[in-house]
Amino acid sequence: MTSAGEYMDATAPPAPEVKKEKKSESALKSFLSGGVGGICVVLVGHPLDLIKVRMQTAAVGAKNASVLGMFANTFAKEGIPGLYRGVSAPLLAVTPIFAISFWGYDMGQRLIRWAKPDVKELSLADKCWAGGFSAIPTTAVMAPSERIKCVMQTTTGKYNGMLDCAAGIYREGGVRSLFRGTFATLLRDVPGSIAWFGMYEYAKLEMMRLQGYEDTSQLSPIAVLTSGGLAGMACWMVAIPPDVLKSRYQAAPEGTYTGIMDVYTKLMKEEGPGALFKGIRPALIRAFPANAACFFGMEVSRKFLGFMD
């Protein structure tokens, strides 16, 4: 005979399933995995970054100014070490730069969630905003590193290394000279970061939709590499004009320009609008493999550091 209590248990509707709120990822994990991604991007992309900077700062009508010509000329005269000239500055700075970038992206998303407490999933526009926000703290570290890199890449034999170059720049103009081009770096990196993170998130969502997946963690390494490569190309398509101005300003001897607007005015007068896209070919050629490696390295390290959440 069934008791009343057993009957009530059998006929009672099942208790509604309580979904656990998605836990925020560790900010330290974002920081560390971003640093790993940054190391990957430099090791893969530095030779073409060097070619890009030399093309951007070459005199009008210079010989071997094409991508292949510049590459062949650099390799013939300086060998493989020449293709990695100036790599010490970005390699040493890249860990904090990319670490801060991914940390800033994470903080930007947290700010949006704080401002929109009722929103469970951030929109693509929200993630783009978070990407733009990430460029602000990153620039504080990026600007002096870019200044040293540009000077080393456009001079041969003048400096014995990154520290010697930094000391030389400091002797010429002090701390202000080391941070020359900070506004230009911000002008490049805010829209560039919006495109970078935005395209990465969009590409992942599209690949999820096409493959019928419900979560980005299900995506294959090829999908992550492709998304990262597309993100890099989107970034440079937006960032190349301000990057040309930044490279000219940071590589020029002290007193050549009064500011970034002076660079723009002289560039338009002497070379025309096409000069704003100098170096776009090596930048785009470099962008896909370098950023594919960056995001792949970041995602792998994020999974490895999952215990930190």
Protein backbone atom coordinates (compact mmCIF):
# COMPACT_ATOMS: atom_id res chain seq x y z
CA MET A 1 0.00 0.00 0.00
CA THR A 2 1.37 3.40 -1.00
CA SER A 3 1.58 6.05 1.71
CA ALA A 4 0.28 9.58 1.19
CA GLY A 5 3.81 10.95 1.35
CA GLU A 6 5.06 8.57 -1.35
CA TYR A 7 2.03 9.41 -3.54
CA MET A 8 2.69 13.14 -3.22
CA ASP A 9 6.37 12.64 -4.09
CA ALA A 10 5.43 10.63 -7.18
CA THR A 11 2.90 13.14 -8.47
CA ALA A 12 4.67 16.38 -7.53
CA PRO A 13 6.10 18.31 -10.49
CA PRO A 14 9.88 18.15 -10.80
CA ALA A 15 11.73 21.02 -9.20
CA PRO A 16 12.91 23.58 -11.75
CA GLU A 17 16.56 23.19 -12.71
CA VAL A 18 18.65 25.95 -11.24
CA LYS A 19 21.24 27.11 -13.70
CA LYS A 20 24.50 28.13 -12.15
CA GLU A 21 25.61 31.63 -13.02
CA LYS A 22 28.62 31.61 -15.29
CA LYS A 23 31.68 32.30 -13.19
CA SER A 24 34.00 35.10 -14.33
CA GLU A 25 37.40 33.97 -15.48
CA SER A 26 40.43 34.86 -13.42
CA ALA A 27 41.95 38.23 -14.36
CA LEU A 28 45.39 36.76 -13.66
CA LYS A 29 44.68 33.95 -16.12
CA SER A 30 43.78 36.52 -18.81
CA PHE A 31 47.02 38.36 -18.02
CA LEU A 32 49.27 35.30 -18.23
CA SER A 33 47.65 33.75 -21.30
CA GLY A 34 47.86 37.10 -23.09
CA GLY A 35 51.60 37.16 -22.43
CA VAL A 36 52.00 33.70 -24.00
CA GLY A 37 50.04 34.87 -27.05
CA GLY A 38 52.28 37.91 -27.35
CA ILE A 39 55.47 35.85 -27.39
CA CYS A 40 53.99 33.74 -30.19
CA VAL A 41 53.08 36.78 -32.29
CA VAL A 42 56.59 38.27 -32.10
CA LEU A 43 58.47 35.06 -32.89
CA VAL A 44 56.31 34.44 -35.96
CA GLY A 45 55.82 37.98 -37.22
CA HIS A 46 58.92 40.07 -36.46
CA PRO A 47 60.77 39.69 -39.81
CA LEU A 48 57.80 41.07 -41.76
CA ASP A 49 57.25 43.76 -39.14
CA LEU A 50 60.83 44.90 -39.75
CA ILE A 51 60.18 45.02 -43.52
CA LYS A 52 56.98 47.00 -42.90
CA VAL A 53 58.77 49.64 -40.80
CA ARG A 54 61.63 49.97 -43.30
CA MET A 55 59.15 50.41 -46.15
CA GLN A 56 57.25 53.06 -44.18
CA THR A 57 60.38 55.06 -43.36
CA ALA A 58 62.23 54.64 -46.69
CA ALA A 59 62.95 57.74 -48.77
CA VAL A 60 60.75 58.44 -51.78
CA GLY A 61 62.05 56.49 -54.81
CA ALA A 62 64.36 54.29 -52.73
CA LYS A 63 65.65 51.11 -54.39
CA ASN A 64 64.33 47.69 -53.34
CA ALA A 65 61.28 49.32 -51.69
CA SER A 66 58.94 46.41 -52.46
CA VAL A 67 58.22 43.65 -49.94
CA LEU A 68 60.36 41.06 -51.74
CA GLY A 69 63.05 43.60 -52.64
CA MET A 70 63.37 44.85 -49.08
CA PHE A 71 63.33 41.29 -47.72
CA ALA A 72 66.01 40.09 -50.18
CA ASN A 73 68.19 43.16 -49.60
CA THR A 74 67.98 42.81 -45.80
CA PHE A 75 68.71 39.07 -45.91
CA ALA A 76 71.65 39.53 -48.34
CA LYS A 77 73.31 42.26 -46.27
CA GLU A 78 72.44 41.21 -42.73
CA GLY A 79 71.37 37.56 -42.88
CA ILE A 80 68.81 35.99 -40.53
CA PRO A 81 69.98 38.11 -37.54
CA GLY A 82 69.16 41.17 -39.65
CA LEU A 83 65.58 40.02 -40.11
CA TYR A 84 65.28 39.89 -36.32
CA ARG A 85 66.99 43.25 -35.75
CA GLY A 86 65.20 45.08 -32.95
CA VAL A 87 63.41 41.92 -31.76
CA SER A 88 64.70 42.27 -28.20
CA ALA A 89 62.55 45.34 -27.49
CA PRO A 90 59.20 43.85 -28.55
CA LEU A 91 60.10 40.40 -27.19
CA LEU A 92 60.92 41.77 -23.74
CA ALA A 93 57.99 44.18 -23.78
CA VAL A 94 55.54 41.89 -25.54
CA THR A 95 54.73 39.76 -22.52
CA PRO A 96 53.45 42.72 -20.47
CA ILE A 97 51.98 44.42 -23.58
CA PHE A 98 49.84 41.50 -24.68
CA ALA A 99 49.24 40.45 -21.10
CA ILE A 100 47.87 43.92 -20.36
CA SER A 101 45.90 43.89 -23.62
CA PHE A 102 44.05 40.67 -22.79
CA TRP A 103 43.70 41.74 -19.15
CA GLY A 104 42.29 45.08 -20.36
CA TYR A 105 39.86 43.23 -22.62
CA ASP A 106 38.72 41.17 -19.64
CA MET A 107 38.37 44.31 -17.49
CA GLY A 108 36.43 46.04 -20.27
CA GLN A 109 33.95 43.16 -20.35
CA ARG A 110 33.61 43.29 -16.57
CA LEU A 111 32.88 47.02 -16.73
CA ILE A 112 30.12 46.38 -19.25
CA ARG A 113 28.62 43.61 -17.09
CA TRP A 114 28.73 45.99 -14.12
CA ALA A 115 26.97 48.70 -16.18
CA LYS A 116 24.43 46.19 -17.56
CA PRO A 117 23.72 43.80 -14.66
CA ASP A 118 20.66 42.28 -16.38
CA VAL A 119 22.58 41.26 -19.51
CA LYS A 120 23.63 37.59 -19.40
CA GLU A 121 25.59 37.46 -22.66
CA LEU A 122 27.59 40.39 -24.02
CA SER A 123 26.81 41.43 -27.58
CA LEU A 124 29.45 41.71 -30.29
CA ALA A 125 29.26 45.51 -29.96
CA ASP A 126 29.96 45.19 -26.21
CA LYS A 127 33.02 43.06 -26.93
CA CYS A 128 34.24 45.57 -29.52
CA TRP A 129 33.93 48.32 -26.89
CA ALA A 130 35.91 46.18 -24.44
CA GLY A 131 38.55 45.70 -27.14
CA GLY A 132 38.91 49.46 -27.62
CA PHE A 133 39.18 49.91 -23.85
CA SER A 134 42.06 47.40 -23.73
CA ALA A 135 44.25 49.73 -25.81
CA ILE A 136 44.30 52.42 -23.11
CA PRO A 137 46.37 50.62 -20.44
CA THR A 138 48.39 48.81 -23.13
CA THR A 139 49.68 52.06 -24.66
CA ALA A 140 51.55 52.99 -21.46
CA VAL A 141 53.91 50.05 -22.06
CA MET A 142 53.62 49.91 -25.84
CA ALA A 143 54.73 53.48 -26.69
CA PRO A 144 58.38 53.39 -25.43
CA SER A 145 58.86 49.85 -26.75
CA GLU A 146 57.61 50.90 -30.20
CA ARG A 147 59.89 53.95 -30.13
CA ILE A 148 62.97 51.80 -29.42
CA LYS A 149 61.93 49.19 -31.99
CA CYS A 150 61.40 51.75 -34.77
CA VAL A 151 64.76 53.43 -34.12
CA MET A 152 66.62 50.09 -34.07
CA GLN A 153 64.88 48.84 -37.22
CA THR A 154 65.77 51.95 -39.22
CA THR A 155 69.41 52.32 -38.11
CA THR A 156 72.26 49.88 -38.72
CA GLY A 157 75.37 49.73 -36.53
CA LYS A 158 74.51 52.77 -34.38
CA TYR A 159 73.39 50.84 -31.31
CA ASN A 160 74.63 47.64 -29.69
CA GLY A 161 71.22 46.53 -28.47
CA MET A 162 67.93 47.56 -26.94
CA LEU A 163 69.38 49.05 -23.75
CA ASP A 164 72.02 51.00 -25.68
CA CYS A 165 69.30 52.33 -27.97
CA ALA A 166 67.08 53.30 -25.04
CA ALA A 167 70.02 55.07 -23.39
CA GLY A 168 70.81 56.92 -26.62
CA ILE A 169 67.21 58.08 -27.03
CA TYR A 170 67.16 59.20 -23.39
CA ARG A 171 70.40 61.18 -23.83
CA GLU A 172 68.96 62.94 -26.88
CA GLY A 173 65.62 63.97 -25.40
CA GLY A 174 65.03 62.49 -21.96
CA VAL A 175 61.95 60.55 -20.86
CA ARG A 176 59.77 62.62 -23.18
CA SER A 177 61.73 61.31 -26.17
CA LEU A 178 61.25 57.70 -25.05
CA PHE A 179 57.49 58.29 -24.96
CA ARG A 180 57.38 60.18 -28.25
CA GLY A 181 54.46 58.90 -30.31
CA THR A 182 52.26 57.89 -27.36
CA PHE A 183 49.21 59.66 -28.80
CA ALA A 184 49.94 58.18 -32.25
CA THR A 185 50.13 54.71 -30.69
CA LEU A 186 46.77 55.27 -29.01
CA LEU A 187 45.35 56.60 -32.28
CA ARG A 188 46.40 53.34 -33.93
CA ASP A 189 45.57 50.87 -31.17
CA VAL A 190 42.06 51.93 -30.10
CA PRO A 191 40.43 51.31 -33.52
CA GLY A 192 42.88 48.48 -34.18
CA SER A 193 41.92 46.69 -30.97
CA ILE A 194 38.21 47.15 -31.70
CA ALA A 195 38.74 45.43 -35.06
CA TRP A 196 41.10 42.82 -33.57
CA PHE A 197 38.95 41.52 -30.75
CA GLY A 198 35.71 42.18 -32.66
CA MET A 199 36.73 40.12 -35.69
CA TYR A 200 38.06 37.29 -33.51
CA GLU A 201 34.78 37.01 -31.62
CA TYR A 202 32.72 37.36 -34.80
CA ALA A 203 34.73 34.71 -36.68
CA LYS A 204 34.38 32.27 -33.78
CA LEU A 205 30.61 32.83 -33.62
CA GLU A 206 30.26 32.26 -37.37
CA MET A 207 32.30 29.05 -37.21
CA MET A 208 30.17 27.84 -34.31
CA ARG A 209 27.03 28.54 -36.33
CA LEU A 210 28.34 26.82 -39.46
CA GLN A 211 29.48 23.74 -37.56
CA GLY A 212 26.40 23.54 -35.30
CA TYR A 213 28.33 23.98 -32.05
CA GLU A 214 26.88 25.58 -28.93
CA ASP A 215 30.11 26.77 -27.29
CA THR A 216 33.38 28.25 -28.54
CA SER A 217 35.31 25.67 -26.50
CA GLN A 218 34.17 23.06 -29.05
CA LEU A 219 36.00 24.78 -31.92
CA SER A 220 38.98 22.96 -33.44
CA PRO A 221 42.55 24.35 -33.44
CA ILE A 222 42.15 25.14 -37.16
CA ALA A 223 39.06 27.24 -36.39
CA VAL A 224 40.93 29.14 -33.65
CA LEU A 225 43.95 29.71 -35.92
CA THR A 226 41.70 30.94 -38.75
CA SER A 227 39.78 33.29 -36.44
CA GLY A 228 43.03 34.70 -35.07
CA GLY A 229 44.48 35.20 -38.54
CA LEU A 230 41.36 37.03 -39.75
CA ALA A 231 41.44 39.18 -36.61
CA GLY A 232 45.01 40.23 -37.35
CA MET A 233 44.17 41.20 -40.93
CA ALA A 234 41.11 43.19 -39.82
CA CYS A 235 43.23 45.01 -37.25
CA TRP A 236 45.88 46.11 -39.75
CA MET A 237 43.40 47.15 -42.41
CA VAL A 238 42.14 49.70 -39.88
CA ALA A 239 45.42 50.54 -38.16
CA ILE A 240 47.91 50.95 -41.03
CA PRO A 241 47.39 54.73 -41.72
CA PRO A 242 48.00 55.82 -38.11
CA ASP A 243 50.82 53.24 -37.92
CA VAL A 244 52.60 54.95 -40.84
CA LEU A 245 52.38 58.29 -39.05
CA LYS A 246 53.58 56.68 -35.79
CA SER A 247 56.55 54.97 -37.46
CA ARG A 248 57.65 58.19 -39.20
CA TYR A 249 57.34 60.19 -36.00
CA GLN A 250 59.09 57.68 -33.75
CA ALA A 251 61.94 56.85 -36.16
CA ALA A 252 62.78 60.47 -37.05
CA PRO A 253 65.73 62.28 -35.44
CA GLU A 254 64.94 64.69 -32.63
CA GLY A 255 63.43 67.94 -33.93
CA THR A 256 62.33 66.62 -37.34
CA TYR A 257 58.61 66.96 -36.53
CA THR A 258 56.72 69.12 -34.08
CA GLY A 259 53.98 66.52 -33.61
CA ILE A 260 51.82 63.89 -35.27
CA MET A 261 49.87 66.53 -37.27
CA ASP A 262 53.15 67.86 -38.63
CA VAL A 263 54.01 64.32 -39.82
CA TYR A 264 50.61 64.07 -41.54
CA THR A 265 50.90 67.50 -43.19
CA LYS A 266 54.38 66.84 -44.59
CA LEU A 267 53.45 63.34 -45.71
CA MET A 268 50.40 64.58 -47.65
CA LYS A 269 52.42 67.40 -49.21
CA GLU A 270 55.44 65.34 -50.25
CA GLU A 271 54.01 61.88 -50.99
CA GLY A 272 50.21 62.09 -51.15
CA PRO A 273 47.46 59.93 -49.58
CA GLY A 274 48.93 56.66 -50.92
CA ALA A 275 51.81 57.02 -48.45
CA LEU A 276 49.38 56.34 -45.59
CA PHE A 277 49.15 52.75 -46.81
CA LYS A 278 52.89 52.13 -47.13
CA GLY A 279 53.77 48.78 -45.65
CA ILE A 280 50.23 47.39 -45.84
CA ARG A 281 51.34 44.35 -47.86
CA PRO A 282 53.94 43.07 -45.37
CA ALA A 283 51.58 44.01 -42.53
CA LEU A 284 48.76 41.88 -43.96
CA ILE A 285 51.10 39.03 -44.97
CA ARG A 286 52.48 39.02 -41.43
CA ALA A 287 49.09 39.55 -39.77
CA PHE A 288 47.54 36.19 -40.55
CA PRO A 289 50.23 33.77 -39.30
CA ALA A 290 51.39 36.00 -36.43
CA ASN A 291 47.92 36.60 -35.01
CA ALA A 292 46.83 33.02 -35.67
CA ALA A 293 49.79 31.98 -33.48
CA CYS A 294 48.91 34.65 -30.90
CA PHE A 295 45.29 33.61 -30.35
CA PHE A 296 46.13 29.91 -30.53
CA GLY A 297 48.85 30.33 -27.90
CA MET A 298 46.46 32.37 -25.77
CA GLU A 299 43.65 29.80 -25.99
CA VAL A 300 45.94 26.85 -25.22
CA SER A 301 47.40 28.61 -22.18
CA ARG A 302 43.91 29.60 -21.01
CA LYS A 303 42.88 25.95 -20.99
CA PHE A 304 46.11 24.97 -19.23
CA LEU A 305 45.50 27.69 -16.59
CA GLY A 306 41.84 26.75 -16.12
CA PHE A 307 42.50 25.78 -12.50
CA MET A 308 42.94 29.50 -11.70
CA ASP A 309 39.21 30.30 -12.20
